[in-house]
């Protein structure tokens, strides 16, 4: 097998969960702002599906990253920094999608506001992980 396949797969796979999770947060924020007026339920529906698909899409990103690092969960240098951000981001993303599937449509406004904050934190963690992943590419 081509040894350069995993960096290519990983590079392609990481963008989908990041874009979908951030997009989910934006759609849900817009739906939260307009409340129950006509676009609100549709915006929340888009946010719901984007979060679920983003969490599902994070699995190939993580698996390809583990193949690249030969199973290393932390590493050192830029890889360690990447992993210090990516593991909490992955965990939070999966937790948010799971919560959304089971309770997200029936949550109070206050609880949903907390969910939106958690989505922003997940986005920040994924962005930081991407930064450190990019630093590893520059160092090559």
C-alpha atoms as a PDB file:
ATOM      1  CA  UNK A   1       0.000   0.000   0.000  1.00  0.00           C
ATOM      2  CA  UNK A   2       1.169   3.516  -0.790  1.00  0.00           C
ATOM      3  CA  UNK A   3       2.584   4.979   2.469  1.00  0.00           C
ATOM      4  CA  UNK A   4       1.396   8.455   1.491  1.00  0.00           C
ATOM      5  CA  UNK A   5      -2.250   7.400   1.298  1.00  0.00           C
ATOM      6  CA  UNK A   6      -3.084   8.059   4.980  1.00  0.00           C
ATOM      7  CA  UNK A   7      -1.968  11.708   5.019  1.00  0.00           C
ATOM      8  CA  UNK A   8      -4.068  12.259   1.893  1.00  0.00           C
ATOM      9  CA  UNK A   9      -7.113  10.508   3.367  1.00  0.00           C
ATOM     10  CA  UNK A  10      -6.680  12.360   6.654  1.00  0.00           C
ATOM     11  CA  UNK A  11      -6.271  15.713   4.934  1.00  0.00           C
ATOM     12  CA  UNK A  12      -9.455  15.150   2.950  1.00  0.00           C
ATOM     13  CA  UNK A  13     -11.481  13.713   5.842  1.00  0.00           C
ATOM     14  CA  UNK A  14     -10.807  16.364   8.484  1.00  0.00           C
ATOM     15  CA  UNK A  15     -12.461  19.199   6.607  1.00  0.00           C
ATOM     16  CA  UNK A  16     -15.953  17.708   6.565  1.00  0.00           C
ATOM     17  CA  UNK A  17     -16.487  17.403  10.325  1.00  0.00           C
ATOM     18  CA  UNK A  18     -15.000  20.835  10.917  1.00  0.00           C
ATOM     19  CA  UNK A  19     -17.172  22.539   8.295  1.00  0.00           C
ATOM     20  CA  UNK A  20     -20.304  20.619   9.277  1.00  0.00           C
ATOM     21  CA  UNK A  21     -19.912  21.281  13.019  1.00  0.00           C
ATOM     22  CA  UNK A  22     -19.240  24.989  12.521  1.00  0.00           C
ATOM     23  CA  UNK A  23     -22.072  25.238  10.008  1.00  0.00           C
ATOM     24  CA  UNK A  24     -24.362  23.422  12.430  1.00  0.00           C
ATOM     25  CA  UNK A  25     -23.589  25.961  15.113  1.00  0.00           C
ATOM     26  CA  UNK A  26     -24.312  28.853  12.739  1.00  0.00           C
ATOM     27  CA  UNK A  27     -27.608  27.394  11.552  1.00  0.00           C
ATOM     28  CA  UNK A  28     -28.686  26.629  15.109  1.00  0.00           C
ATOM     29  CA  UNK A  29     -27.664  30.089  16.277  1.00  0.00           C
ATOM     30  CA  UNK A  30     -29.758  31.641  13.517  1.00  0.00           C
ATOM     31  CA  UNK A  31     -32.678  29.372  14.423  1.00  0.00           C
ATOM     32  CA  UNK A  32     -32.233  30.286  18.088  1.00  0.00           C
ATOM     33  CA  UNK A  33     -32.335  33.992  17.189  1.00  0.00           C
ATOM     34  CA  UNK A  34     -35.549  33.834  15.157  1.00  0.00           C
ATOM     35  CA  UNK A  35     -37.233  31.444  17.617  1.00  0.00           C
ATOM     36  CA  UNK A  36     -40.401  29.918  16.235  1.00  0.00           C
ATOM     37  CA  UNK A  37     -40.872  32.253  13.280  1.00  0.00           C
ATOM     38  CA  UNK A  38     -41.047  30.452   9.916  1.00  0.00           C
ATOM     39  CA  UNK A  39     -37.328  29.955   9.210  1.00  0.00           C
ATOM     40  CA  UNK A  40     -36.515  28.808  12.781  1.00  0.00           C
ATOM     41  CA  UNK A  41     -37.550  25.135  12.610  1.00  0.00           C
ATOM     42  CA  UNK A  42     -35.879  24.708   9.216  1.00  0.00           C
ATOM     43  CA  UNK A  43     -32.647  26.264  10.479  1.00  0.00           C
ATOM     44  CA  UNK A  44     -32.672  23.967  13.512  1.00  0.00           C
ATOM     45  CA  UNK A  45     -33.304  20.976  11.264  1.00  0.00           C
ATOM     46  CA  UNK A  46     -30.301  21.895   9.106  1.00  0.00           C
ATOM     47  CA  UNK A  47     -28.207  22.365  12.259  1.00  0.00           C
ATOM     48  CA  UNK A  48     -29.321  18.993  13.579  1.00  0.00           C
ATOM     49  CA  UNK A  49     -28.342  17.074  10.455  1.00  0.00           C
ATOM     50  CA  UNK A  50     -25.072  18.933  10.040  1.00  0.00           C
ATOM     51  CA  UNK A  51     -24.061  18.053  13.625  1.00  0.00           C
ATOM     52  CA  UNK A  52     -24.987  14.393  13.185  1.00  0.00           C
ATOM     53  CA  UNK A  53     -23.145  14.150   9.867  1.00  0.00           C
ATOM     54  CA  UNK A  54     -20.161  16.054  11.281  1.00  0.00           C
ATOM     55  CA  UNK A  55     -19.853  13.597  14.164  1.00  0.00           C
ATOM     56  CA  UNK A  56     -20.156  10.628  11.820  1.00  0.00           C
ATOM     57  CA  UNK A  57     -17.604  12.209   9.488  1.00  0.00           C
ATOM     58  CA  UNK A  58     -15.147  12.649  12.335  1.00  0.00           C
ATOM     59  CA  UNK A  59     -14.686   8.877  12.578  1.00  0.00           C
ATOM     60  CA  UNK A  60     -12.792   8.527   9.255  1.00  0.00           C
ATOM     61  CA  UNK A  61     -10.696  11.558  10.213  1.00  0.00           C
ATOM     62  CA  UNK A  62      -9.710   9.963  13.520  1.00  0.00           C
ATOM     63  CA  UNK A  63      -9.106   6.513  12.022  1.00  0.00           C
ATOM     64  CA  UNK A  64      -6.905   7.896   9.237  1.00  0.00           C
ATOM     65  CA  UNK A  65      -4.998   9.988  11.798  1.00  0.00           C
ATOM     66  CA  UNK A  66      -4.364   6.902  13.915  1.00  0.00           C
ATOM     67  CA  UNK A  67      -3.047   5.058  10.867  1.00  0.00           C
ATOM     68  CA  UNK A  68      -0.750   8.003  10.105  1.00  0.00           C
ATOM     69  CA  UNK A  69       0.656   8.030  13.651  1.00  0.00           C
ATOM     70  CA  UNK A  70       0.803   4.236  13.872  1.00  0.00           C
ATOM     71  CA  UNK A  71      -1.610   4.294  16.808  1.00  0.00           C
ATOM     72  CA  UNK A  72       0.098   6.995  18.849  1.00  0.00           C
ATOM     73  CA  UNK A  73      -2.482   8.725  21.040  1.00  0.00           C
ATOM     74  CA  UNK A  74      -0.266  11.640  22.121  1.00  0.00           C
ATOM     75  CA  UNK A  75       3.182  11.751  20.548  1.00  0.00           C
ATOM     76  CA  UNK A  76       5.530  14.692  21.030  1.00  0.00           C
ATOM     77  CA  UNK A  77       6.044  18.207  19.671  1.00  0.00           C
ATOM     78  CA  UNK A  78       3.413  19.421  17.208  1.00  0.00           C
ATOM     79  CA  UNK A  79       1.780  15.972  17.131  1.00  0.00           C
ATOM     80  CA  UNK A  80       1.279  16.126  20.893  1.00  0.00           C
ATOM     81  CA  UNK A  81      -0.246  19.610  20.641  1.00  0.00           C
ATOM     82  CA  UNK A  82      -2.490  18.421  17.810  1.00  0.00           C
ATOM     83  CA  UNK A  83      -3.682  15.481  19.903  1.00  0.00           C
ATOM     84  CA  UNK A  84      -4.188  17.595  23.034  1.00  0.00           C
ATOM     85  CA  UNK A  85      -6.808  19.537  21.072  1.00  0.00           C
ATOM     86  CA  UNK A  86      -8.183  16.843  18.773  1.00  0.00           C
ATOM     87  CA  UNK A  87      -9.166  14.261  21.405  1.00  0.00           C
ATOM     88  CA  UNK A  88     -11.316  16.673  23.442  1.00  0.00           C
ATOM     89  CA  UNK A  89     -12.769  18.060  20.194  1.00  0.00           C
ATOM     90  CA  UNK A  90     -13.668  14.578  18.939  1.00  0.00           C
ATOM     91  CA  UNK A  91     -15.186  13.595  22.283  1.00  0.00           C
ATOM     92  CA  UNK A  92     -17.187  16.807  22.524  1.00  0.00           C
ATOM     93  CA  UNK A  93     -18.385  16.558  18.925  1.00  0.00           C
ATOM     94  CA  UNK A  94     -19.651  12.999  19.410  1.00  0.00           C
ATOM     95  CA  UNK A  95     -21.242  13.947  22.751  1.00  0.00           C
ATOM     96  CA  UNK A  96     -22.993  16.961  21.219  1.00  0.00           C
ATOM     97  CA  UNK A  97     -24.356  14.912  18.326  1.00  0.00           C
ATOM     98  CA  UNK A  98     -25.504  12.175  20.698  1.00  0.00           C
ATOM     99  CA  UNK A  99     -27.221  14.709  22.965  1.00  0.00           C
ATOM    100  CA  UNK A 100     -28.823  16.345  19.956  1.00  0.00           C
ATOM    101  CA  UNK A 101     -30.184  13.048  18.666  1.00  0.00           C
ATOM    102  CA  UNK A 102     -31.779  12.167  21.994  1.00  0.00           C
ATOM    103  CA  UNK A 103     -32.864  15.528  23.445  1.00  0.00           C
ATOM    104  CA  UNK A 104     -31.848  18.453  21.267  1.00  0.00           C
ATOM    105  CA  UNK A 105     -35.220  19.145  19.705  1.00  0.00           C
ATOM    106  CA  UNK A 106     -36.980  19.246  23.082  1.00  0.00           C
ATOM    107  CA  UNK A 107     -34.500  21.331  25.065  1.00  0.00           C
ATOM    108  CA  UNK A 108     -35.382  24.588  26.792  1.00  0.00           C
ATOM    109  CA  UNK A 109     -33.909  27.800  25.391  1.00  0.00           C
ATOM    110  CA  UNK A 110     -31.476  28.054  28.310  1.00  0.00           C
ATOM    111  CA  UNK A 111     -30.181  24.512  27.821  1.00  0.00           C
ATOM    112  CA  UNK A 112     -29.971  25.019  24.055  1.00  0.00           C
ATOM    113  CA  UNK A 113     -27.937  28.188  24.645  1.00  0.00           C
ATOM    114  CA  UNK A 114     -25.488  26.032  26.621  1.00  0.00           C
ATOM    115  CA  UNK A 115     -25.411  23.597  23.717  1.00  0.00           C
ATOM    116  CA  UNK A 116     -24.491  26.464  21.364  1.00  0.00           C
ATOM    117  CA  UNK A 117     -21.646  27.472  23.670  1.00  0.00           C
ATOM    118  CA  UNK A 118     -20.402  23.871  23.679  1.00  0.00           C
ATOM    119  CA  UNK A 119     -20.539  23.834  19.863  1.00  0.00           C
ATOM    120  CA  UNK A 120     -18.386  26.982  19.828  1.00  0.00           C
ATOM    121  CA  UNK A 121     -15.899  25.316  22.193  1.00  0.00           C
ATOM    122  CA  UNK A 122     -15.786  22.221  19.952  1.00  0.00           C
ATOM    123  CA  UNK A 123     -15.194  24.468  16.943  1.00  0.00           C
ATOM    124  CA  UNK A 124     -12.360  26.263  18.732  1.00  0.00           C
ATOM    125  CA  UNK A 125     -10.779  22.939  19.728  1.00  0.00           C
ATOM    126  CA  UNK A 126     -11.036  21.615  16.169  1.00  0.00           C
ATOM    127  CA  UNK A 127      -9.548  24.833  14.799  1.00  0.00           C
ATOM    128  CA  UNK A 128      -6.614  24.614  17.223  1.00  0.00           C
ATOM    129  CA  UNK A 129      -6.112  20.947  16.314  1.00  0.00           C
ATOM    130  CA  UNK A 130      -6.084  21.943  12.648  1.00  0.00           C
ATOM    131  CA  UNK A 131      -3.495  24.620  13.333  1.00  0.00           C
ATOM    132  CA  UNK A 132      -1.147  22.113  14.967  1.00  0.00           C
ATOM    133  CA  UNK A 133      -1.833  19.593  12.209  1.00  0.00           C
ATOM    134  CA  UNK A 134      -0.786  22.233   9.716  1.00  0.00           C
ATOM    135  CA  UNK A 135       2.363  22.931  11.712  1.00  0.00           C
ATOM    136  CA  UNK A 136       3.314  19.275  11.309  1.00  0.00           C
ATOM    137  CA  UNK A 137       2.908  19.570   7.544  1.00  0.00           C
ATOM    138  CA  UNK A 138       5.112  22.679   7.444  1.00  0.00           C
ATOM    139  CA  UNK A 139       7.813  20.952   9.492  1.00  0.00           C
ATOM    140  CA  UNK A 140       8.113  18.095   6.956  1.00  0.00           C
END
